[in-house]
Amino acid sequence: MLNEVTTNKLAWTIIWVAGLSFPIFWYNLIVFLFFTLFVLQCFDFLTGFLSARKSQMVMSKIWIDGMIKKTLVIMLCSIVLLFSSWLRHTEAITSDIIGIIPIIIFWIFIFFEVISIFENLAVIFKGSRESKLFTLFSYLWNMIFNISIEKLQETAEKRIKNKFNKE
């Protein structure tokens, strides 16, 4: 399977086109991810409220803490979005690779929101087949997130080690 993907001309064409178009569209992707995160946070709030009602655990302290965290995440992401916008319109940084950092930040928060939504849906549909499905989705998203973070850490450590070994 992996051999087929690595030798497939269409796969390499898609990868190169995406890589070449990244400098053009990175800011648009950041804006899209910001609004996706906002919509997911609203949906998470709704499913969180419904799951709390289902488990009869609606408490103002938990809601206030949750809303403060969501507000801080949106404020942080707004600052990242404004900083990215400023970088886009300034000549200070000519490399468009700087767009990867905000994208990674937004993806991390999006992963957390999706996991939370699946956990809430598992509680809402408790006792049904859907509950098992949402629990499985939550577990899979959590596993994908952990694997992604581990791979990112390994890659970063290898690059740092190689950089210092060359000098």
Protein backbone atom coordinates (compact mmCIF):
# COMPACT_ATOMS: atom_id res chain seq x y z
CA MET A 1 0.00 0.00 0.00
CA LEU A 2 2.72 2.48 0.99
CA ASN A 3 4.76 1.54 -2.05
CA GLU A 4 1.78 2.27 -4.31
CA VAL A 5 1.28 5.70 -2.76
CA THR A 6 4.95 6.67 -2.97
CA THR A 7 5.18 5.70 -6.65
CA ASN A 8 1.81 7.13 -7.68
CA LYS A 9 2.24 10.16 -9.94
CA LEU A 10 -1.16 11.61 -8.98
CA ALA A 11 -0.25 11.52 -5.27
CA TRP A 12 3.03 13.35 -5.92
CA THR A 13 1.26 15.88 -8.15
CA ILE A 14 -1.22 16.65 -5.38
CA ILE A 15 1.59 16.98 -2.82
CA TRP A 16 3.63 19.35 -5.04
CA VAL A 17 0.61 21.49 -5.99
CA ALA A 18 -0.36 21.77 -2.31
CA GLY A 19 3.22 22.68 -1.40
CA LEU A 20 3.52 25.27 -4.14
CA SER A 21 0.14 26.84 -3.40
CA PHE A 22 0.71 27.00 0.37
CA PRO A 23 2.44 30.41 0.25
CA ILE A 24 -0.56 31.81 -1.62
CA PHE A 25 -3.31 30.41 0.57
CA TRP A 26 -1.80 30.02 4.05
CA TYR A 27 -3.51 33.10 5.47
CA ASN A 28 -6.88 32.01 4.05
CA LEU A 29 -6.37 28.61 5.68
CA ILE A 30 -5.64 30.26 9.03
CA VAL A 31 -8.84 32.33 8.77
CA PHE A 32 -10.82 29.21 7.84
CA LEU A 33 -9.36 27.28 10.80
CA PHE A 34 -10.20 30.17 13.15
CA PHE A 35 -13.87 30.14 12.11
CA THR A 36 -13.94 26.33 12.19
CA LEU A 37 -12.63 26.44 15.76
CA PHE A 38 -15.26 29.01 16.71
CA VAL A 39 -18.09 26.89 15.26
CA LEU A 40 -16.73 23.77 16.96
CA GLN A 41 -16.56 25.62 20.29
CA CYS A 42 -20.19 26.68 19.93
CA PHE A 43 -21.19 23.10 19.08
CA ASP A 44 -19.12 21.83 22.01
CA PHE A 45 -20.89 24.27 24.32
CA LEU A 46 -24.27 23.03 23.08
CA THR A 47 -23.39 19.33 23.36
CA GLY A 48 -21.73 19.96 26.75
CA PHE A 49 -24.91 21.56 28.05
CA LEU A 50 -27.05 18.69 26.72
CA SER A 51 -24.74 16.06 28.22
CA ALA A 52 -24.73 17.88 31.57
CA ARG A 53 -28.54 17.96 31.50
CA LYS A 54 -28.64 14.27 30.63
CA SER A 55 -26.35 13.37 33.53
CA GLN A 56 -28.06 15.97 35.78
CA MET A 57 -24.78 17.76 36.53
CA VAL A 58 -25.52 21.34 35.48
CA MET A 59 -23.37 23.50 37.80
CA SER A 60 -22.61 27.16 37.36
CA LYS A 61 -18.98 26.84 38.55
CA ILE A 62 -18.21 24.21 35.89
CA TRP A 63 -19.92 26.34 33.20
CA ILE A 64 -18.07 29.49 34.23
CA ASP A 65 -14.71 27.67 34.22
CA GLY A 66 -15.49 26.15 30.82
CA MET A 67 -16.57 29.48 29.34
CA ILE A 68 -13.45 31.21 30.68
CA LYS A 69 -11.26 28.55 29.05
CA LYS A 70 -13.13 28.79 25.73
CA THR A 71 -12.92 32.59 25.83
CA LEU A 72 -9.18 32.46 26.51
CA VAL A 73 -8.66 30.03 23.63
CA ILE A 74 -10.61 32.28 21.24
CA MET A 75 -8.69 35.34 22.48
CA LEU A 76 -5.35 33.56 21.98
CA CYS A 77 -6.40 32.43 18.51
CA SER A 78 -7.60 35.96 17.70
CA ILE A 79 -4.18 37.30 18.66
CA VAL A 80 -2.53 34.64 16.48
CA LEU A 81 -4.89 35.58 13.62
CA LEU A 82 -4.15 39.30 14.00
CA PHE A 83 -0.41 38.64 14.18
CA SER A 84 -0.62 36.47 11.05
CA SER A 85 -2.54 39.23 9.31
CA TRP A 86 0.10 41.76 10.31
CA LEU A 87 2.88 39.47 9.05
CA ARG A 88 1.04 39.03 5.78
CA HIS A 89 0.96 42.77 5.14
CA THR A 90 4.48 43.56 6.25
CA GLU A 91 7.71 43.00 4.41
CA ALA A 92 9.50 41.97 7.63
CA ILE A 93 9.24 38.27 6.95
CA THR A 94 9.58 37.08 3.39
CA SER A 95 9.26 33.34 4.10
CA ASP A 96 5.73 32.01 4.01
CA ILE A 97 6.73 29.03 6.12
CA ILE A 98 5.78 31.16 9.14
CA GLY A 99 2.15 30.26 8.34
CA ILE A 100 2.67 26.71 9.57
CA ILE A 101 2.97 27.76 13.22
CA PRO A 102 -0.55 29.25 13.53
CA ILE A 103 -1.97 26.33 11.56
CA ILE A 104 -0.48 23.88 14.06
CA ILE A 105 -1.87 25.95 16.96
CA PHE A 106 -5.36 25.95 15.46
CA TRP A 107 -5.23 22.23 14.67
CA ILE A 108 -4.31 21.40 18.26
CA PHE A 109 -7.32 23.33 19.58
CA ILE A 110 -9.57 21.82 16.89
CA PHE A 111 -8.47 18.32 17.92
CA PHE A 112 -9.40 19.07 21.55
CA GLU A 113 -12.81 20.41 20.52
CA VAL A 114 -13.62 17.39 18.34
CA ILE A 115 -12.62 14.99 21.13
CA SER A 116 -14.80 16.92 23.58
CA ILE A 117 -17.76 16.91 21.18
CA PHE A 118 -17.51 13.13 20.73
CA GLU A 119 -17.29 12.65 24.50
CA ASN A 120 -20.38 14.83 24.99
CA LEU A 121 -22.29 12.95 22.28
CA ALA A 122 -21.38 9.65 23.94
CA VAL A 123 -22.97 10.90 27.17
CA ILE A 124 -26.04 12.28 25.37
CA PHE A 125 -26.70 8.97 23.62
CA LYS A 126 -25.77 6.83 26.65
CA GLY A 127 -27.18 3.33 26.48
CA SER A 128 -27.57 3.24 22.69
CA ARG A 129 -25.45 2.02 19.79
CA GLU A 130 -24.56 5.61 18.98
CA SER A 131 -22.93 5.98 22.39
CA LYS A 132 -20.46 3.21 21.60
CA LEU A 133 -19.76 4.76 18.21
CA PHE A 134 -19.10 8.21 19.68
CA THR A 135 -16.90 6.69 22.39
CA LEU A 136 -14.92 4.91 19.68
CA PHE A 137 -14.60 8.16 17.67
CA SER A 138 -13.42 10.00 20.76
CA TYR A 139 -10.83 7.31 21.45
CA LEU A 140 -9.63 7.32 17.82
CA TRP A 141 -9.30 11.13 17.65
CA ASN A 142 -7.41 11.09 20.93
CA MET A 143 -5.11 8.35 19.61
CA ILE A 144 -4.51 10.25 16.32
CA PHE A 145 -3.69 13.39 18.29
CA ASN A 146 -1.20 11.56 20.52
CA ILE A 147 0.49 9.86 17.56
CA SER A 148 0.71 13.18 15.71
CA ILE A 149 2.31 14.91 18.68
CA GLU A 150 4.81 12.06 19.13
CA LYS A 151 5.78 12.14 15.43
CA LEU A 152 6.14 15.93 15.53
CA GLN A 153 8.37 15.66 18.59
CA GLU A 154 10.51 12.92 17.00
CA THR A 155 10.93 14.93 13.80
CA ALA A 156 11.85 18.08 15.69
CA GLU A 157 14.38 16.21 17.85
CA LYS A 158 15.99 14.60 14.77
CA ARG A 159 16.28 17.95 12.99
CA ILE A 160 17.81 19.62 16.02
CA LYS A 161 20.24 16.75 16.49
CA ASN A 162 21.21 16.80 12.79
CA LYS A 163 21.66 20.56 12.81
CA PHE A 164 24.02 20.49 15.76
CA ASN A 165 25.94 17.50 14.39
CA LYS A 166 26.63 19.31 11.09
CA GLU A 167 28.18 22.35 12.71
